[in-house]
C-alpha atoms as a PDB file:
ATOM      1  CA  UNK A   1     117.438 103.060 106.948  1.00  0.00           C
ATOM      2  CA  UNK A   2     117.336 102.500 110.601  1.00  0.00           C
ATOM      3  CA  UNK A   3     119.711 100.348 113.292  1.00  0.00           C
ATOM      4  CA  UNK A   4     116.828  97.652 113.045  1.00  0.00           C
ATOM      5  CA  UNK A   5     117.826  95.531 110.219  1.00  0.00           C
ATOM      6  CA  UNK A   6     116.162  97.607 107.398  1.00  0.00           C
ATOM      7  CA  UNK A   7     112.650  97.375 108.869  1.00  0.00           C
ATOM      8  CA  UNK A   8     110.637 100.426 107.971  1.00  0.00           C
ATOM      9  CA  UNK A   9     109.874 102.345 111.151  1.00  0.00           C
ATOM     10  CA  UNK A  10     105.963 102.845 111.969  1.00  0.00           C
ATOM     11  CA  UNK A  11     105.524 105.370 115.059  1.00  0.00           C
ATOM     12  CA  UNK A  12     102.320 104.319 116.859  1.00  0.00           C
ATOM     13  CA  UNK A  13     100.598 107.443 118.844  1.00  0.00           C
ATOM     14  CA  UNK A  14      97.481 106.404 120.515  1.00  0.00           C
ATOM     15  CA  UNK A  15      95.194 109.015 121.940  1.00  0.00           C
ATOM     16  CA  UNK A  16      94.347 109.125 125.731  1.00  0.00           C
ATOM     17  CA  UNK A  17      91.083 107.103 124.844  1.00  0.00           C
ATOM     18  CA  UNK A  18      92.624 104.623 122.600  1.00  0.00           C
ATOM     19  CA  UNK A  19      92.181 100.980 124.001  1.00  0.00           C
ATOM     20  CA  UNK A  20      95.680  99.231 124.852  1.00  0.00           C
ATOM     21  CA  UNK A  21      94.028  96.427 122.946  1.00  0.00           C
ATOM     22  CA  UNK A  22      93.662  98.377 119.738  1.00  0.00           C
ATOM     23  CA  UNK A  23      97.446  99.158 119.665  1.00  0.00           C
ATOM     24  CA  UNK A  24      98.420  95.704 120.654  1.00  0.00           C
ATOM     25  CA  UNK A  25      96.323  94.278 118.037  1.00  0.00           C
ATOM     26  CA  UNK A  26      97.801  96.821 115.268  1.00  0.00           C
ATOM     27  CA  UNK A  27     101.040  95.770 116.470  1.00  0.00           C
ATOM     28  CA  UNK A  28     100.425  91.766 116.121  1.00  0.00           C
ATOM     29  CA  UNK A  29      99.132  92.124 112.638  1.00  0.00           C
ATOM     30  CA  UNK A  30     101.946  94.306 111.210  1.00  0.00           C
ATOM     31  CA  UNK A  31     104.121  92.343 108.836  1.00  0.00           C
ATOM     32  CA  UNK A  32     107.708  92.169 109.900  1.00  0.00           C
ATOM     33  CA  UNK A  33     109.113  94.600 107.247  1.00  0.00           C
ATOM     34  CA  UNK A  34     107.623  97.261 109.464  1.00  0.00           C
ATOM     35  CA  UNK A  35     109.033  98.053 113.043  1.00  0.00           C
ATOM     36  CA  UNK A  36     106.533  99.556 115.469  1.00  0.00           C
ATOM     37  CA  UNK A  37     107.547 102.297 117.865  1.00  0.00           C
ATOM     38  CA  UNK A  38     104.820 102.898 120.497  1.00  0.00           C
ATOM     39  CA  UNK A  39     104.861 106.058 122.215  1.00  0.00           C
ATOM     40  CA  UNK A  40     102.274 107.419 124.558  1.00  0.00           C
ATOM     41  CA  UNK A  41     102.293 110.811 125.305  1.00  0.00           C
ATOM     42  CA  UNK A  42      99.284 110.880 127.312  1.00  0.00           C
ATOM     43  CA  UNK A  43      97.557 114.378 126.309  1.00  0.00           C
ATOM     44  CA  UNK A  44      94.325 115.604 124.889  1.00  0.00           C
ATOM     45  CA  UNK A  45      93.902 117.186 121.635  1.00  0.00           C
ATOM     46  CA  UNK A  46      95.796 120.223 122.349  1.00  0.00           C
ATOM     47  CA  UNK A  47      99.656 120.241 121.717  1.00  0.00           C
ATOM     48  CA  UNK A  48     101.446 121.704 124.566  1.00  0.00           C
ATOM     49  CA  UNK A  49     104.447 123.764 123.746  1.00  0.00           C
ATOM     50  CA  UNK A  50     107.474 121.702 123.476  1.00  0.00           C
ATOM     51  CA  UNK A  51     105.605 118.163 123.096  1.00  0.00           C
ATOM     52  CA  UNK A  52     106.575 117.826 119.360  1.00  0.00           C
ATOM     53  CA  UNK A  53     110.281 118.597 120.286  1.00  0.00           C
ATOM     54  CA  UNK A  54     109.661 115.760 122.996  1.00  0.00           C
ATOM     55  CA  UNK A  55     108.419 113.320 120.754  1.00  0.00           C
ATOM     56  CA  UNK A  56     110.979 113.878 118.063  1.00  0.00           C
ATOM     57  CA  UNK A  57     113.838 112.960 121.010  1.00  0.00           C
ATOM     58  CA  UNK A  58     111.483 109.892 121.753  1.00  0.00           C
ATOM     59  CA  UNK A  59     111.712 108.766 118.285  1.00  0.00           C
ATOM     60  CA  UNK A  60     115.558 109.247 117.612  1.00  0.00           C
ATOM     61  CA  UNK A  61     116.049 107.629 121.230  1.00  0.00           C
ATOM     62  CA  UNK A  62     114.117 104.398 119.605  1.00  0.00           C
ATOM     63  CA  UNK A  63     116.919 104.274 117.167  1.00  0.00           C
ATOM     64  CA  UNK A  64     114.913 105.754 114.239  1.00  0.00           C
ATOM     65  CA  UNK A  65     117.331 106.977 111.607  1.00  0.00           C
ATOM     66  CA  UNK A  66     115.960 108.216 108.700  1.00  0.00           C
ATOM     67  CA  UNK A  67     112.418 108.139 106.965  1.00  0.00           C
ATOM     68  CA  UNK A  68     109.742 106.695 108.930  1.00  0.00           C
ATOM     69  CA  UNK A  69     105.716 106.838 108.900  1.00  0.00           C
ATOM     70  CA  UNK A  70     103.326 107.724 111.669  1.00  0.00           C
ATOM     71  CA  UNK A  71      99.958 106.027 112.659  1.00  0.00           C
ATOM     72  CA  UNK A  72      97.829 108.131 115.044  1.00  0.00           C
ATOM     73  CA  UNK A  73      94.469 107.454 116.682  1.00  0.00           C
ATOM     74  CA  UNK A  74      92.286 110.444 117.797  1.00  0.00           C
ATOM     75  CA  UNK A  75      94.624 113.204 119.233  1.00  0.00           C
ATOM     76  CA  UNK A  76      97.304 111.008 118.567  1.00  0.00           C
ATOM     77  CA  UNK A  77      96.971 111.730 115.026  1.00  0.00           C
ATOM     78  CA  UNK A  78      96.839 115.482 115.819  1.00  0.00           C
ATOM     79  CA  UNK A  79     100.388 115.002 117.593  1.00  0.00           C
ATOM     80  CA  UNK A  80     101.424 112.819 114.575  1.00  0.00           C
ATOM     81  CA  UNK A  81     100.897 115.931 112.449  1.00  0.00           C
ATOM     82  CA  UNK A  82     102.934 118.163 114.756  1.00  0.00           C
ATOM     83  CA  UNK A  83     105.580 115.415 114.966  1.00  0.00           C
ATOM     84  CA  UNK A  84     105.831 115.150 111.250  1.00  0.00           C
ATOM     85  CA  UNK A  85     106.018 119.175 110.650  1.00  0.00           C
ATOM     86  CA  UNK A  86     108.709 119.242 113.939  1.00  0.00           C
ATOM     87  CA  UNK A  87     111.334 116.835 111.796  1.00  0.00           C
ATOM     88  CA  UNK A  88     110.734 119.025 108.658  1.00  0.00           C
ATOM     89  CA  UNK A  89     111.587 122.253 110.668  1.00  0.00           C
ATOM     90  CA  UNK A  90     114.706 120.573 112.227  1.00  0.00           C
ATOM     91  CA  UNK A  91     116.129 119.094 109.051  1.00  0.00           C
ATOM     92  CA  UNK A  92     114.694 121.319 106.305  1.00  0.00           C
ATOM     93  CA  UNK A  93     112.897 118.280 104.597  1.00  0.00           C
ATOM     94  CA  UNK A  94     110.252 115.491 105.097  1.00  0.00           C
ATOM     95  CA  UNK A  95     111.272 112.783 107.349  1.00  0.00           C
ATOM     96  CA  UNK A  96     107.704 111.500 108.061  1.00  0.00           C
ATOM     97  CA  UNK A  97     106.644 109.924 104.729  1.00  0.00           C
ATOM     98  CA  UNK A  98     103.269 109.149 105.543  1.00  0.00           C
ATOM     99  CA  UNK A  99     100.739 110.076 108.486  1.00  0.00           C
ATOM    100  CA  UNK A 100      97.799 107.471 108.844  1.00  0.00           C
ATOM    101  CA  UNK A 101      95.105 108.935 110.881  1.00  0.00           C
ATOM    102  CA  UNK A 102      92.322 107.007 112.703  1.00  0.00           C
ATOM    103  CA  UNK A 103      89.181 108.310 114.400  1.00  0.00           C
ATOM    104  CA  UNK A 104      90.246 111.790 114.293  1.00  0.00           C
ATOM    105  CA  UNK A 105      88.451 114.777 113.052  1.00  0.00           C
ATOM    106  CA  UNK A 106      90.652 117.651 111.643  1.00  0.00           C
ATOM    107  CA  UNK A 107      92.741 119.419 114.038  1.00  0.00           C
ATOM    108  CA  UNK A 108      90.963 122.953 115.222  1.00  0.00           C
ATOM    109  CA  UNK A 109      91.412 123.240 119.044  1.00  0.00           C
ATOM    110  CA  UNK A 110      93.798 125.659 118.601  1.00  0.00           C
ATOM    111  CA  UNK A 111      95.051 128.349 115.863  1.00  0.00           C
ATOM    112  CA  UNK A 112      98.488 126.806 115.718  1.00  0.00           C
ATOM    113  CA  UNK A 113      97.207 123.270 114.864  1.00  0.00           C
ATOM    114  CA  UNK A 114      94.842 124.675 112.040  1.00  0.00           C
ATOM    115  CA  UNK A 115      97.944 126.194 110.461  1.00  0.00           C
ATOM    116  CA  UNK A 116     100.185 123.010 110.511  1.00  0.00           C
ATOM    117  CA  UNK A 117     100.949 122.078 107.341  1.00  0.00           C
ATOM    118  CA  UNK A 118     103.357 118.976 106.512  1.00  0.00           C
ATOM    119  CA  UNK A 119     105.031 117.398 103.505  1.00  0.00           C
ATOM    120  CA  UNK A 120     104.037 113.971 104.675  1.00  0.00           C
ATOM    121  CA  UNK A 121     101.164 112.352 102.520  1.00  0.00           C
ATOM    122  CA  UNK A 122      97.998 111.761 104.829  1.00  0.00           C
ATOM    123  CA  UNK A 123      95.897 108.471 104.665  1.00  0.00           C
ATOM    124  CA  UNK A 124      92.775 109.167 106.487  1.00  0.00           C
ATOM    125  CA  UNK A 125      90.875 106.213 107.882  1.00  0.00           C
ATOM    126  CA  UNK A 126      87.483 105.529 109.258  1.00  0.00           C
ATOM    127  CA  UNK A 127      84.891 102.641 109.283  1.00  0.00           C
ATOM    128  CA  UNK A 128      81.592 102.267 108.166  1.00  0.00           C
ATOM    129  CA  UNK A 129      79.848 102.398 111.583  1.00  0.00           C
ATOM    130  CA  UNK A 130      81.512 105.488 112.853  1.00  0.00           C
ATOM    131  CA  UNK A 131      78.398 107.745 113.098  1.00  0.00           C
ATOM    132  CA  UNK A 132      80.847 110.514 114.315  1.00  0.00           C
ATOM    133  CA  UNK A 133      82.791 110.783 111.230  1.00  0.00           C
ATOM    134  CA  UNK A 134      80.690 111.208 108.606  1.00  0.00           C
ATOM    135  CA  UNK A 135      82.940 113.320 106.077  1.00  0.00           C
ATOM    136  CA  UNK A 136      82.217 116.579 107.451  1.00  0.00           C
ATOM    137  CA  UNK A 137      84.954 116.607 109.703  1.00  0.00           C
ATOM    138  CA  UNK A 138      87.568 114.819 107.703  1.00  0.00           C
ATOM    139  CA  UNK A 139      87.492 116.509 104.459  1.00  0.00           C
ATOM    140  CA  UNK A 140      89.567 119.511 105.839  1.00  0.00           C
ATOM    141  CA  UNK A 141      92.519 117.187 106.545  1.00  0.00           C
ATOM    142  CA  UNK A 142      93.464 118.031 102.864  1.00  0.00           C
ATOM    143  CA  UNK A 143      94.742 121.557 104.015  1.00  0.00           C
ATOM    144  CA  UNK A 144      97.238 119.805 106.224  1.00  0.00           C
ATOM    145  CA  UNK A 145      99.384 118.108 103.531  1.00  0.00           C
ATOM    146  CA  UNK A 146     101.222 119.467 100.463  1.00  0.00           C
ATOM    147  CA  UNK A 147     101.858 115.943  99.113  1.00  0.00           C
ATOM    148  CA  UNK A 148      98.066 114.878  98.599  1.00  0.00           C
ATOM    149  CA  UNK A 149      95.604 113.573 101.169  1.00  0.00           C
ATOM    150  CA  UNK A 150      93.867 109.842 100.731  1.00  0.00           C
ATOM    151  CA  UNK A 151      90.426 109.108 102.513  1.00  0.00           C
ATOM    152  CA  UNK A 152      89.769 105.176 103.179  1.00  0.00           C
ATOM    153  CA  UNK A 153      86.923 103.291 104.533  1.00  0.00           C
ATOM    154  CA  UNK A 154      88.164 100.087 106.395  1.00  0.00           C
ATOM    155  CA  UNK A 155      85.643  97.466 107.195  1.00  0.00           C
ATOM    156  CA  UNK A 156      83.765  97.450 110.797  1.00  0.00           C
ATOM    157  CA  UNK A 157      83.723  94.052 112.607  1.00  0.00           C
ATOM    158  CA  UNK A 158      85.860  92.318 115.549  1.00  0.00           C
ATOM    159  CA  UNK A 159      88.969  93.990 116.565  1.00  0.00           C
ATOM    160  CA  UNK A 160      91.154  91.516 115.055  1.00  0.00           C
ATOM    161  CA  UNK A 161      89.361  91.959 111.645  1.00  0.00           C
ATOM    162  CA  UNK A 162      90.052  95.888 111.833  1.00  0.00           C
ATOM    163  CA  UNK A 163      93.415  95.331 112.999  1.00  0.00           C
ATOM    164  CA  UNK A 164      94.298  93.085 109.744  1.00  0.00           C
ATOM    165  CA  UNK A 165      92.527  95.600 107.443  1.00  0.00           C
ATOM    166  CA  UNK A 166      94.560  98.513 108.787  1.00  0.00           C
ATOM    167  CA  UNK A 167      97.592  96.552 108.665  1.00  0.00           C
ATOM    168  CA  UNK A 168      97.185  95.442 105.137  1.00  0.00           C
ATOM    169  CA  UNK A 169      96.427  99.300 103.953  1.00  0.00           C
ATOM    170  CA  UNK A 170      99.550 100.433 105.994  1.00  0.00           C
ATOM    171  CA  UNK A 171     101.779  97.806 104.455  1.00  0.00           C
ATOM    172  CA  UNK A 172     100.533  98.355 101.067  1.00  0.00           C
ATOM    173  CA  UNK A 173     101.372 102.079 101.268  1.00  0.00           C
ATOM    174  CA  UNK A 174     104.732 101.677 102.976  1.00  0.00           C
ATOM    175  CA  UNK A 175     106.377  98.512 101.900  1.00  0.00           C
ATOM    176  CA  UNK A 176     107.899  97.768  98.187  1.00  0.00           C
ATOM    177  CA  UNK A 177     105.869  95.097  96.622  1.00  0.00           C
ATOM    178  CA  UNK A 178     104.562  93.925  93.082  1.00  0.00           C
ATOM    179  CA  UNK A 179     101.043  95.073  94.207  1.00  0.00           C
ATOM    180  CA  UNK A 180     101.700  98.124  95.883  1.00  0.00           C
ATOM    181  CA  UNK A 181      99.923 101.131  94.811  1.00  0.00           C
ATOM    182  CA  UNK A 182     101.663 103.871  92.988  1.00  0.00           C
ATOM    183  CA  UNK A 183     101.380 107.618  94.215  1.00  0.00           C
ATOM    184  CA  UNK A 184      99.683 108.070  90.788  1.00  0.00           C
ATOM    185  CA  UNK A 185      96.985 105.915  91.504  1.00  0.00           C
ATOM    186  CA  UNK A 186      96.879 105.530  95.477  1.00  0.00           C
ATOM    187  CA  UNK A 187      93.562 107.603  95.526  1.00  0.00           C
ATOM    188  CA  UNK A 188      91.392 104.721  93.660  1.00  0.00           C
ATOM    189  CA  UNK A 189      93.435 101.794  94.948  1.00  0.00           C
ATOM    190  CA  UNK A 190      91.362  98.845  96.478  1.00  0.00           C
ATOM    191  CA  UNK A 191      91.940  98.163  99.974  1.00  0.00           C
ATOM    192  CA  UNK A 192      90.791  94.479 100.703  1.00  0.00           C
ATOM    193  CA  UNK A 193      87.636  94.349 102.885  1.00  0.00           C
ATOM    194  CA  UNK A 194      87.388  98.319 102.440  1.00  0.00           C
ATOM    195  CA  UNK A 195      87.281 100.750 100.005  1.00  0.00           C
ATOM    196  CA  UNK A 196      88.927 104.417  99.194  1.00  0.00           C
ATOM    197  CA  UNK A 197      86.053 106.740  98.978  1.00  0.00           C
ATOM    198  CA  UNK A 198      88.037 110.061  98.105  1.00  0.00           C
ATOM    199  CA  UNK A 199      91.526 111.285  97.490  1.00  0.00           C
ATOM    200  CA  UNK A 200      93.501 114.207  96.265  1.00  0.00           C
ATOM    201  CA  UNK A 201      96.846 113.904  94.301  1.00  0.00           C
ATOM    202  CA  UNK A 202      99.885 115.640  95.005  1.00  0.00           C
END
């Protein structure tokens, strides 16, 4: 899988406004079976020419060999979408299995972003207190995946509790376990402390 003792790589892409504590909290909460790879591109919602290629090089330089997943916050999720597509363009098949999206409305600032489609499965997360994300800006994420999109409402509360809930969701989708939701029932699976509000099958 990777050169790091079989731990499944999870690339973390914070947006420019994502607090360092938010990223650190998730890293601490992740189970040992996941290997976090934190990239900080430091860009806005636009995707400058060449940035997906540069991010792909950083992923490879971090020792990632084979399948991986991505979690992006805000515009980092938009870059995650571009990164997943870049690996597909370079290899001819999906390498990023799942793109987790937090606090990000659908990409739309450029025509290129609106046209980007990946084979990665999308898991779009929000919390019950996010007035900005009432669903109207999230549903269009379905257009960006050919493998299905899942919408999950996570609990609000202290940062540590949010990180723990997000970590449980990510682990349930990525790590083999007896209780892991299958692709066929991912759209209706229960998330401890949260709930799936909608989903689309592949």
